[in-house]
Amino acid sequence: MRKEIAEKWAARLRSPEAKQAHDVLGEESGSRCCLGVLCDIYAEENPGTAGWGRNAPCSCGTDEHPSFAFIDGEGGVTAAFPTSPVVKWAGMSSHNGEFMLNPDDEEALTSGDREAIAAGELPRTSLAGLNDSLLWDFPRIADMIDKYWEKL
């Protein structure tokens, strides 16, 4: 991931104004999952083309049409994960912020990760999973971005 984007993203997640959402990229109220905050930064750096919209059709390959979604300005619309232009702009390797954990990172390891290490595998996680499944708060996710930005 591009370091300057990671730094902006982590700072934004630590902002007291940031409101956290779970299981959606963003809400009309302004709440966002951690990946939705990244989309906000992309939209700010691409004014007039990217942003959030109501009743936008989803490009995720289903017939679902979310009532609120991120529109990347290049034809991508999503309510789940950042679109390819956002991922490319940020220099990320995945849409959900997946990365390999350091095996000695006790703060971040789950019991399943410890089982993977015992089996000789490197544990993987994602920022989406930390936000939505483990319900980590934004400052804690920002710490992971600071620590693992090169692996994102």
Protein backbone atom coordinates (compact mmCIF):
# COMPACT_ATOMS: atom_id res chain seq x y z
CA MET A 1 0.00 0.00 0.00
CA ARG A 2 1.16 3.54 -0.62
CA LYS A 3 2.57 4.91 2.63
CA GLU A 4 1.08 8.40 2.23
CA ILE A 5 -2.40 6.93 1.78
CA ALA A 6 -1.92 4.61 4.77
CA GLU A 7 -0.90 7.59 6.91
CA LYS A 8 -3.94 9.66 5.87
CA TRP A 9 -6.21 6.68 6.41
CA ALA A 10 -4.89 5.86 9.89
CA ALA A 11 -5.14 9.53 10.90
CA ARG A 12 -8.73 9.72 9.68
CA LEU A 13 -9.65 6.56 11.61
CA ARG A 14 -8.26 8.16 14.77
CA SER A 15 -10.27 11.34 14.26
CA PRO A 16 -12.97 11.90 16.88
CA GLU A 17 -15.33 12.84 14.02
CA ALA A 18 -15.09 9.36 12.44
CA LYS A 19 -18.26 7.34 13.04
CA GLN A 20 -17.94 3.57 12.67
CA ALA A 21 -20.34 1.28 10.80
CA HIS A 22 -20.28 -2.50 10.59
CA ASP A 23 -21.23 -4.91 7.78
CA VAL A 24 -21.65 -2.10 5.22
CA LEU A 25 -19.14 0.13 3.46
CA GLY A 26 -21.01 3.25 4.50
CA GLU A 27 -24.30 4.59 5.75
CA GLU A 28 -26.19 7.68 4.73
CA SER A 29 -25.72 9.01 8.26
CA GLY A 30 -21.99 9.36 7.54
CA SER A 31 -20.93 6.25 9.45
CA ARG A 32 -18.37 4.13 7.60
CA CYS A 33 -16.56 0.86 8.01
CA CYS A 34 -12.78 1.28 7.96
CA LEU A 35 -12.74 0.63 4.19
CA GLY A 36 -15.48 3.21 3.68
CA VAL A 37 -13.20 5.79 5.29
CA LEU A 38 -10.62 4.93 2.62
CA CYS A 39 -13.31 5.52 -0.02
CA ASP A 40 -14.01 8.94 1.55
CA ILE A 41 -10.36 9.89 1.13
CA TYR A 42 -10.43 8.69 -2.49
CA ALA A 43 -13.54 10.81 -3.12
CA GLU A 44 -11.89 13.89 -1.60
CA GLU A 45 -8.91 13.42 -3.90
CA ASN A 46 -11.19 12.89 -6.92
CA PRO A 47 -13.78 15.66 -6.46
CA GLY A 48 -16.73 15.74 -8.79
CA THR A 49 -16.30 12.13 -9.90
CA ALA A 50 -16.41 9.90 -6.83
CA GLY A 51 -18.75 9.93 -3.87
CA TRP A 52 -21.72 8.34 -2.15
CA GLY A 53 -25.20 8.04 -3.61
CA ARG A 54 -28.70 6.77 -2.95
CA ASN A 55 -30.38 4.04 -4.94
CA ALA A 56 -27.23 3.30 -6.93
CA PRO A 57 -27.17 -0.09 -8.67
CA CYS A 58 -24.47 -2.43 -7.39
CA SER A 59 -21.67 -3.65 -9.67
CA CYS A 60 -20.95 -6.62 -7.40
CA GLY A 61 -22.50 -9.13 -9.80
CA THR A 62 -25.81 -9.62 -8.01
CA ASP A 63 -29.29 -8.29 -8.66
CA GLU A 64 -29.25 -6.43 -5.35
CA HIS A 65 -29.53 -2.66 -5.44
CA PRO A 66 -28.34 -1.03 -2.25
CA SER A 67 -30.08 2.13 -1.18
CA PHE A 68 -26.73 3.76 -0.37
CA ALA A 69 -23.43 2.99 -2.08
CA PHE A 70 -20.00 4.31 -3.02
CA ILE A 71 -19.63 5.43 -6.65
CA ASP A 72 -15.99 5.54 -7.79
CA GLY A 73 -16.47 7.79 -10.83
CA GLU A 74 -15.19 5.10 -13.19
CA GLY A 75 -18.34 3.00 -13.41
CA GLY A 76 -17.93 1.07 -10.16
CA VAL A 77 -20.67 1.11 -7.54
CA THR A 78 -20.50 -0.87 -4.31
CA ALA A 79 -21.95 -1.15 -0.84
CA ALA A 80 -19.52 -3.85 0.31
CA PHE A 81 -15.83 -3.24 -0.53
CA PRO A 82 -13.80 -0.53 -2.26
CA THR A 83 -13.91 -0.79 -6.05
CA SER A 84 -10.87 -1.62 -8.19
CA PRO A 85 -10.00 2.04 -8.92
CA VAL A 86 -9.87 2.77 -5.17
CA VAL A 87 -7.75 -0.31 -4.49
CA LYS A 88 -5.36 0.58 -7.32
CA TRP A 89 -5.11 4.24 -6.23
CA ALA A 90 -4.29 3.17 -2.67
CA GLY A 91 -1.75 0.61 -3.87
CA MET A 92 -3.51 -2.21 -2.02
CA SER A 93 -3.35 -5.86 -3.01
CA SER A 94 -6.96 -6.73 -2.08
CA HIS A 95 -10.43 -5.21 -1.83
CA ASN A 96 -10.95 -6.23 1.81
CA GLY A 97 -7.56 -5.19 3.19
CA GLU A 98 -6.24 -8.72 3.59
CA PHE A 99 -2.72 -9.21 4.93
CA MET A 100 -0.53 -11.79 6.68
CA LEU A 101 -0.03 -11.27 10.37
CA ASN A 102 3.36 -11.53 11.99
CA PRO A 103 3.29 -14.81 13.95
CA ASP A 104 4.52 -13.01 17.07
CA ASP A 105 1.82 -10.29 17.00
CA GLU A 106 -0.01 -11.40 20.14
CA GLU A 107 -2.35 -8.37 20.09
CA ALA A 108 -3.82 -9.31 16.73
CA LEU A 109 -3.77 -13.12 16.79
CA THR A 110 -7.00 -15.04 17.34
CA SER A 111 -7.20 -18.64 18.50
CA GLY A 112 -7.68 -19.69 14.86
CA ASP A 113 -4.49 -17.83 13.93
CA ARG A 114 -2.60 -19.65 16.66
CA GLU A 115 -3.88 -22.97 15.28
CA ALA A 116 -2.66 -21.98 11.80
CA ILE A 117 0.78 -21.14 13.20
CA ALA A 118 0.90 -24.50 15.01
CA ALA A 119 0.12 -26.17 11.66
CA GLY A 120 3.02 -24.32 10.05
CA GLU A 121 0.89 -21.75 8.21
CA LEU A 122 1.11 -17.98 8.34
CA PRO A 123 -2.08 -16.40 9.72
CA ARG A 124 -4.07 -14.05 7.48
CA THR A 125 -6.64 -11.47 8.42
CA SER A 126 -8.35 -8.51 6.80
CA LEU A 127 -9.28 -5.01 7.84
CA ALA A 128 -12.87 -5.83 6.88
CA GLY A 129 -12.80 -8.78 9.27
CA LEU A 130 -11.31 -6.71 12.08
CA ASN A 131 -14.04 -4.08 11.56
CA ASP A 132 -17.05 -6.35 10.96
CA SER A 133 -16.36 -9.71 12.62
CA LEU A 134 -14.07 -8.86 15.51
CA LEU A 135 -15.67 -5.40 15.99
CA TRP A 136 -12.36 -3.63 16.56
CA ASP A 137 -12.68 0.12 16.99
CA PHE A 138 -11.16 2.55 14.50
CA PRO A 139 -8.06 3.49 16.56
CA ARG A 140 -7.12 -0.18 16.93
CA ILE A 141 -7.59 -0.76 13.18
CA ALA A 142 -5.47 2.36 12.55
CA ASP A 143 -2.71 0.75 14.62
CA MET A 144 -2.82 -2.28 12.29
CA ILE A 145 -2.60 -0.02 9.23
CA ASP A 146 0.44 1.70 10.77
CA LYS A 147 2.03 -1.66 11.51
CA TYR A 148 1.15 -3.56 8.31
CA TRP A 149 0.80 -0.90 5.59
CA GLU A 150 3.47 -2.53 3.45
CA LYS A 151 1.54 -5.83 3.46
CA LEU A 152 -1.81 -4.27 2.60
